[in-house]
Protein backbone atom coordinates (compact mmCIF):
# COMPACT_ATOMS: atom_id res chain seq x y z
CA MET A 1 -0.31 -0.02 0.06
CA ARG A 2 2.97 2.34 0.78
CA ASN A 3 4.71 1.58 -2.26
CA ARG A 4 1.55 2.46 -4.42
CA PHE A 5 0.90 5.89 -2.45
CA TRP A 6 4.64 6.68 -3.14
CA LEU A 7 4.32 5.67 -6.88
CA ALA A 8 1.01 7.99 -7.21
CA ALA A 9 3.18 10.72 -5.58
CA VAL A 10 5.82 10.46 -8.00
CA GLY A 11 3.51 10.29 -10.95
CA ALA A 12 1.49 13.36 -9.69
CA ALA A 13 4.89 15.33 -9.16
CA VAL A 14 5.92 14.43 -12.53
CA LEU A 15 2.83 15.62 -13.98
CA LEU A 16 3.20 18.55 -12.05
CA VAL A 17 6.63 19.57 -13.67
CA SER A 18 5.53 18.98 -16.96
CA SER A 19 2.93 21.85 -16.81
CA SER A 20 4.14 25.12 -18.20
CA THR A 21 3.13 27.05 -15.17
CA SER A 22 5.46 24.68 -12.97
CA ARG A 23 8.34 24.64 -15.59
CA SER A 24 8.38 28.58 -14.92
CA ALA A 25 8.10 28.25 -11.16
CA LEU A 26 11.37 25.99 -11.40
CA ALA A 27 12.94 28.35 -13.57
CA GLN A 28 12.80 30.97 -10.61
CA ALA A 29 13.31 28.62 -7.70
CA TYR A 30 17.42 29.54 -7.37
CA GLY A 31 19.19 31.35 -4.64
CA ASN A 32 19.86 35.15 -4.34
CA PRO A 33 23.27 35.66 -2.92
CA TYR A 34 23.00 39.75 -3.31
CA ARG A 35 21.69 42.69 -1.22
CA ILE A 36 20.84 46.01 -2.30
CA ALA A 37 23.14 48.74 -1.41
CA GLU A 38 20.64 51.34 -0.39
CA GLY A 39 20.93 55.01 -1.90
CA TRP A 40 24.34 54.22 -3.63
CA ALA A 41 23.57 56.24 -6.58
CA GLN A 42 23.72 60.22 -5.58
CA LEU A 43 23.19 62.95 -7.76
CA PRO A 44 25.02 66.23 -7.42
CA ASN A 45 23.66 69.44 -5.98
CA GLY A 46 20.35 67.69 -4.81
CA ARG A 47 19.21 67.15 -8.13
CA PRO A 48 16.74 64.16 -7.77
CA MET A 49 16.56 61.03 -9.52
CA GLY A 50 14.69 60.72 -12.87
CA ALA A 51 13.77 57.46 -14.79
CA VAL A 52 16.64 55.35 -15.12
CA GLY A 53 17.23 53.49 -18.53
CA LYS A 54 20.59 51.51 -19.24
CA ALA A 55 23.52 51.28 -17.49
CA VAL A 56 26.85 49.81 -18.63
CA ILE A 57 30.07 49.42 -17.10
CA ASP A 58 32.85 51.64 -18.28
CA PRO A 59 36.24 49.88 -19.89
CA ASP A 60 38.05 50.20 -16.52
CA GLY A 61 35.39 47.99 -14.80
CA ARG A 62 34.70 50.08 -11.98
CA HIS A 63 32.78 53.05 -13.04
CA VAL A 64 29.30 53.12 -14.13
CA TRP A 65 27.58 54.94 -17.06
CA ALA A 66 23.35 55.26 -16.88
CA VAL A 67 20.76 57.10 -18.74
CA VAL A 68 19.09 59.16 -16.12
CA ARG A 69 16.17 60.94 -17.68
CA CYS A 70 16.35 64.46 -16.72
CA GLU A 71 13.83 65.85 -14.20
CA ARG A 72 12.13 63.52 -11.76
CA LEU A 73 8.43 64.10 -13.39
CA GLU A 74 5.42 61.97 -11.96
CA ASP A 75 3.01 62.81 -14.75
CA PRO A 76 2.83 59.27 -16.12
CA LYS A 77 1.61 61.10 -19.34
CA ARG A 78 5.32 62.28 -19.80
CA PHE A 79 6.55 58.66 -19.66
CA GLY A 80 8.31 58.78 -22.84
CA ASP A 81 9.44 62.18 -23.43
CA GLU A 82 11.06 63.37 -20.08
CA CYS A 83 13.87 65.32 -21.25
CA ARG A 84 11.51 67.19 -24.00
CA ASP A 85 11.92 70.14 -22.22
CA SER A 86 14.92 69.54 -19.88
CA LYS A 87 18.65 70.91 -20.35
CA ALA A 88 19.71 68.54 -17.49
CA ASP A 89 22.66 65.87 -18.69
CA PRO A 90 21.01 62.75 -18.94
CA ILE A 91 24.25 60.76 -19.50
CA LEU A 92 26.06 60.33 -16.05
CA LYS A 93 29.15 58.57 -15.07
CA PHE A 94 29.18 57.13 -11.55
CA ALA A 95 32.47 56.37 -9.41
CA PRO A 96 32.52 53.21 -7.55
CA ASP A 97 31.03 55.07 -4.34
CA GLY A 98 27.96 56.18 -6.23
CA LYS A 99 28.99 59.83 -6.52
CA VAL A 100 28.96 61.31 -10.21
CA VAL A 101 32.10 62.21 -11.71
CA LYS A 102 30.97 63.16 -15.39
CA SER A 103 27.76 64.24 -17.35
CA MET A 104 26.83 64.98 -20.87
CA GLY A 105 24.20 65.46 -23.32
CA GLY A 106 21.89 67.97 -21.72
CA GLY A 107 19.32 69.29 -24.29
CA MET A 108 19.90 66.88 -26.92
CA PHE A 109 17.61 64.05 -26.39
CA ILE A 110 13.80 63.82 -25.77
CA TRP A 111 13.98 60.02 -24.44
CA PRO A 112 17.45 58.74 -24.20
CA HIS A 113 17.31 55.05 -23.65
CA GLY A 114 19.76 52.68 -24.89
CA LEU A 115 23.57 53.11 -23.99
CA ASP A 116 26.92 51.36 -24.63
CA VAL A 117 30.84 52.14 -23.98
CA ASP A 118 33.13 50.93 -26.75
CA LYS A 119 36.58 49.69 -25.66
CA ASP A 120 38.12 53.08 -26.39
CA GLY A 121 35.82 54.93 -23.68
CA ASN A 122 33.28 56.41 -26.34
CA VAL A 123 30.24 56.77 -25.31
CA TRP A 124 26.78 55.69 -27.61
CA VAL A 125 23.21 56.94 -26.65
CA THR A 126 19.88 56.04 -28.52
CA ASP A 127 16.90 58.52 -28.46
CA ALA A 128 13.67 56.07 -28.61
CA VAL A 129 11.06 58.76 -28.58
CA ALA A 130 8.15 57.20 -29.63
CA THR A 131 5.87 58.14 -32.61
CA GLY A 132 4.00 61.45 -31.95
CA ARG A 133 6.00 62.47 -29.14
CA THR A 134 8.61 64.34 -31.05
CA PRO A 135 7.15 68.13 -30.96
CA LYS A 136 6.58 69.66 -34.43
CA GLY A 137 10.05 70.67 -35.94
CA ASP A 138 11.98 69.47 -33.24
CA LYS A 139 15.33 67.98 -34.53
CA ARG A 140 16.01 65.24 -31.94
CA GLY A 141 14.81 61.80 -31.67
CA GLN A 142 15.28 58.55 -34.05
CA ILE A 143 19.16 59.04 -33.62
CA VAL A 144 22.11 57.09 -32.22
CA VAL A 145 24.94 59.65 -30.94
CA LYS A 146 28.46 58.79 -30.34
CA PHE A 147 30.34 60.73 -27.92
CA SER A 148 33.96 61.01 -26.99
CA PRO A 149 34.76 60.04 -23.13
CA GLU A 150 34.71 63.87 -22.42
CA GLY A 151 31.23 64.40 -24.40
CA LYS A 152 31.88 65.81 -27.52
CA VAL A 153 29.71 64.28 -30.55
CA LEU A 154 31.89 62.25 -32.63
CA MET A 155 28.99 60.79 -35.12
CA THR A 156 25.33 60.78 -35.68
CA LEU A 157 23.65 57.64 -37.22
CA GLY A 158 20.23 58.03 -38.08
CA THR A 159 18.20 61.37 -39.47
CA PRO A 160 17.11 63.49 -36.29
CA GLY A 161 13.47 63.94 -35.69
CA ILE A 162 12.59 61.73 -38.99
CA GLU A 163 11.47 58.21 -38.63
CA GLY A 164 12.20 55.34 -41.27
CA ALA A 165 12.91 52.10 -41.78
CA GLY A 166 15.98 52.50 -44.49
CA ALA A 167 19.82 52.49 -44.14
CA ASP A 168 19.75 56.08 -42.41
CA HIS A 169 16.48 56.02 -40.42
CA PHE A 170 15.56 54.75 -37.27
CA THR A 171 11.97 54.26 -35.34
CA ALA A 172 12.51 54.47 -31.64
CA PRO A 173 15.60 52.70 -31.42
CA SER A 174 15.81 50.85 -28.22
CA ASP A 175 19.57 50.07 -27.43
CA VAL A 176 23.13 50.04 -29.22
CA ALA A 177 26.00 47.72 -28.77
CA VAL A 178 29.50 48.17 -30.23
CA ALA A 179 31.56 44.99 -31.43
CA ALA A 180 35.26 44.50 -30.73
CA ASN A 181 36.23 45.63 -33.97
CA GLY A 182 34.06 48.61 -33.76
CA ASP A 183 31.02 47.59 -35.59
CA VAL A 184 28.17 49.26 -34.37
CA PHE A 185 24.57 47.19 -34.02
CA VAL A 186 21.34 49.14 -33.22
CA ALA A 187 18.13 47.50 -31.93
CA ASP A 188 15.88 49.61 -33.95
CA GLY A 189 12.34 49.50 -32.28
CA HIS A 190 10.91 50.05 -28.98
CA GLY A 191 7.24 49.16 -29.55
CA ASN A 192 5.38 46.41 -31.29
CA ASP A 193 4.82 48.61 -34.05
CA GLY A 194 8.33 49.87 -34.72
CA ASN A 195 10.75 48.56 -37.35
CA ASN A 196 11.69 45.39 -35.17
CA ARG A 197 15.09 44.84 -36.65
CA VAL A 198 18.84 44.89 -36.16
CA VAL A 199 20.97 47.13 -38.05
CA LYS A 200 24.56 46.83 -38.42
CA PHE A 201 26.98 49.56 -39.27
CA SER A 202 30.88 50.00 -39.56
CA LYS A 203 32.86 51.58 -37.14
CA ASP A 204 32.94 54.79 -39.41
CA GLY A 205 28.80 54.85 -39.69
CA THR A 206 28.52 53.32 -43.06
CA PHE A 207 25.41 50.81 -43.24
CA ILE A 208 26.38 47.39 -43.47
CA ALA A 209 23.19 45.27 -43.20
CA ALA A 210 19.62 44.80 -41.31
CA TRP A 211 17.74 41.60 -40.31
CA GLY A 212 14.47 41.18 -38.91
CA LYS A 213 10.77 42.18 -38.95
CA SER A 214 7.47 42.27 -36.78
CA GLY A 215 6.84 38.38 -35.91
CA TRP A 216 7.12 35.45 -34.16
CA ALA A 217 9.56 33.27 -36.16
CA PRO A 218 13.16 32.89 -35.59
CA GLY A 219 14.55 36.12 -36.50
CA GLU A 220 11.66 38.13 -36.16
CA PHE A 221 10.64 40.48 -33.10
CA HIS A 222 8.24 42.17 -31.22
CA SER A 223 9.18 44.89 -29.07
CA LEU A 224 13.09 44.34 -29.05
CA HIS A 225 14.43 46.04 -26.34
CA ALA A 226 18.05 45.09 -25.74
CA ILE A 227 21.13 44.09 -27.83
CA ALA A 228 24.34 42.78 -26.27
CA ILE A 229 27.35 41.33 -27.38
CA ASP A 230 29.29 38.43 -25.30
CA PRO A 231 32.88 38.30 -24.98
CA GLN A 232 32.50 35.37 -28.05
CA GLY A 233 31.20 38.10 -30.55
CA ARG A 234 27.74 36.47 -30.46
CA VAL A 235 24.77 39.07 -30.75
CA PHE A 236 22.01 38.74 -28.10
CA VAL A 237 19.00 40.25 -28.53
CA GLY A 238 16.08 40.96 -25.78
CA ASP A 239 12.86 40.01 -27.85
CA ARG A 240 10.75 41.46 -25.05
CA GLY A 241 7.64 41.37 -26.83
CA ASN A 242 8.07 37.67 -27.61
CA ASN A 243 9.19 37.08 -24.13
CA ARG A 244 12.42 35.32 -25.58
CA ILE A 245 16.26 36.01 -26.26
CA GLN A 246 17.65 35.17 -29.86
CA ILE A 247 21.15 34.66 -30.37
CA PHE A 248 22.96 35.62 -33.76
CA ASP A 249 26.40 35.98 -35.25
CA GLN A 250 27.28 39.41 -36.22
CA SER A 251 26.14 38.88 -39.88
CA GLY A 252 22.62 37.92 -38.72
CA LYS A 253 22.43 33.94 -38.59
CA THR A 254 20.62 32.50 -36.02
CA LEU A 255 22.74 30.53 -33.67
CA THR A 256 20.47 28.55 -31.74
CA VAL A 257 16.78 28.28 -30.50
CA PRO A 258 15.49 31.10 -28.81
CA TRP A 259 15.61 31.15 -25.28
CA THR A 260 12.74 31.50 -23.09
CA GLN A 261 13.96 30.63 -19.41
CA PHE A 262 14.80 34.11 -18.66
CA GLY A 263 11.41 35.77 -18.56
CA LYS A 264 10.61 38.94 -20.48
CA PRO A 265 13.99 40.22 -21.06
CA SER A 266 14.37 43.86 -20.80
CA GLY A 267 18.15 44.23 -20.57
CA ILE A 268 21.30 41.81 -21.24
CA ALA A 269 24.90 41.63 -19.94
CA PHE A 270 27.72 39.82 -19.47
CA ASP A 271 30.90 39.31 -16.90
CA THR A 272 34.24 37.91 -17.76
CA GLN A 273 33.39 34.48 -16.06
CA GLY A 274 31.23 33.26 -18.62
CA ARG A 275 27.65 34.50 -16.94
CA ILE A 276 24.66 36.12 -18.68
CA TYR A 277 22.60 38.75 -16.58
CA VAL A 278 19.22 39.61 -17.86
CA ALA A 279 16.91 42.26 -16.67
CA ASP A 280 12.88 41.28 -16.27
CA SER A 281 10.75 44.15 -15.64
CA GLU A 282 7.79 43.23 -17.23
CA SER A 283 6.78 39.87 -16.24
CA ASP A 284 3.21 39.73 -14.84
CA ASP A 285 -0.22 37.81 -14.44
CA VAL A 286 -1.18 39.50 -17.90
CA GLN A 287 2.00 39.94 -19.97
CA ASN A 288 3.97 36.91 -19.01
CA PRO A 289 1.78 34.62 -16.38
CA GLY A 290 3.57 32.70 -13.93
CA TRP A 291 6.84 34.54 -14.27
CA GLU A 292 8.29 37.06 -11.94
CA GLU A 293 10.03 40.31 -12.19
CA GLY A 294 14.10 40.64 -11.25
CA ILE A 295 17.38 39.62 -12.71
CA ARG A 296 18.34 36.44 -13.78
CA ILE A 297 21.90 34.64 -13.83
CA GLY A 298 22.75 32.29 -15.62
CA ASP A 299 25.32 30.16 -17.79
CA ALA A 300 26.04 32.21 -21.35
CA ARG A 301 26.80 28.99 -23.09
CA SER A 302 24.03 26.74 -22.15
CA GLY A 303 21.64 29.14 -20.98
CA TRP A 304 21.04 27.04 -17.54
CA VAL A 305 19.85 29.78 -14.89
CA SER A 306 21.45 29.74 -11.90
CA HIS A 307 20.31 32.50 -9.70
CA PHE A 308 17.49 34.68 -9.27
CA ILE A 309 17.42 38.11 -7.80
CA GLN A 310 13.46 38.83 -7.56
CA TYR A 311 12.16 42.36 -7.45
CA PRO A 312 10.95 42.75 -3.99
CA TRP A 313 8.23 45.44 -4.90
CA GLY A 314 6.84 43.53 -7.89
CA ASP A 315 3.24 43.29 -8.03
CA PRO A 316 2.10 40.59 -10.73
CA ARG A 317 -1.29 42.40 -10.70
CA THR A 318 -0.02 45.23 -12.63
CA THR A 319 1.10 45.67 -16.08
CA ALA A 320 3.14 49.07 -15.93
CA GLY A 321 6.68 47.74 -15.60
CA ASN A 322 8.73 47.58 -12.76
CA GLY A 323 12.27 46.92 -11.18
CA ALA A 324 15.41 46.64 -13.53
CA GLU A 325 14.76 47.31 -17.17
CA PHE A 326 18.59 47.42 -17.81
CA VAL A 327 21.34 45.69 -16.00
CA ALA A 328 25.23 45.91 -15.93
CA VAL A 329 27.93 43.87 -13.83
CA ASP A 330 31.15 45.37 -12.84
CA ARG A 331 34.42 43.63 -12.67
CA ASP A 332 34.08 42.92 -8.98
CA GLY A 333 30.82 40.94 -9.27
CA ASN A 334 28.43 43.83 -8.20
CA ILE A 335 25.18 44.39 -10.40
CA TYR A 336 23.60 47.49 -11.39
CA GLY A 337 19.91 47.73 -12.30
CA GLY A 338 18.32 50.68 -13.93
CA GLU A 339 14.86 51.20 -12.77
CA PRO A 340 12.49 53.61 -15.05
CA ALA A 341 9.11 53.26 -12.92
CA PRO A 342 10.94 53.63 -9.48
CA LYS A 343 13.36 55.98 -10.60
CA ARG A 344 16.19 54.24 -8.95
CA LEU A 345 19.84 52.99 -10.14
CA GLN A 346 20.06 50.17 -7.93
CA LYS A 347 23.15 48.37 -6.64
CA TYR A 348 23.11 44.69 -5.36
CA VAL A 349 26.31 43.53 -3.82
CA ARG A 350 27.13 39.67 -3.63
CA VAL A 351 27.40 38.55 -0.11
CA ARG A 352 27.57 34.54 -0.70
CA PRO A 353 29.46 32.71 -3.02
């Protein structure tokens, strides 16, 4: 009798694990060896923190660059054009103690969003302002700007203020990543109705290629939100609207089946130890049932998830997005999450192996 009950319990467990909801639960059942470093980011002169976009690590491995969208606007109708009327610098460089040591870009963007810093320290920023949010005649938005480390404009990709899908236009470019050889990859399309493509340029700004369109098949996207290049040179795209990460070579060839084990990916980063870090700010009971918001950490080769930093203030009943949209990790293993809605640049310190 006891054996029959035991076999029945095992069978029930197998059936439970086989369900999609249970798989998602197991995918989140990992330890969190990090703690929040409260109040780490400190803006100068009492400036309040605006919505935070992408964060990346400087080539020195210690300083943190982040998009901070100008003033702390509380009107939800202004989400999407927070820097429209501001002269405040939205691109900030933080020292390891959380203090700002450099800033740039004041008055140049409507909605600065994506960010990368190349191996020479040049800073690349996207302006992902949505359709209808650019004031008439305004020559900002729909661009990717390259700054020198000191803040001098070196290059502009796209046509300022004009949307499009050609070689010299973007429509709400979400993110940018620069390869080791200087080639530039742009995730072009923040919303489901955007271009939904990856655009590749040479280091001098010459258009090379583009791939992708709106859809669900491999190589197609819905609201691609993040792009990152791992140490092996593979291109990872956060296909957020499709709840997956897609992986390509630098010519746009699909390398593997899409990864769905990282939730609803908003941001992607890598460390030098072969790990991938994925920020999920959108999972909830409507957009991605069974998943929680937070930062998932795994093996960049196999995709096996090992740790999960659950966002402690998440509410699965809401669909507004919360927690970290972007993620970065420094040379010491500290994690930084850019949180737009809560308006925080959050630092997580590793406290256990």
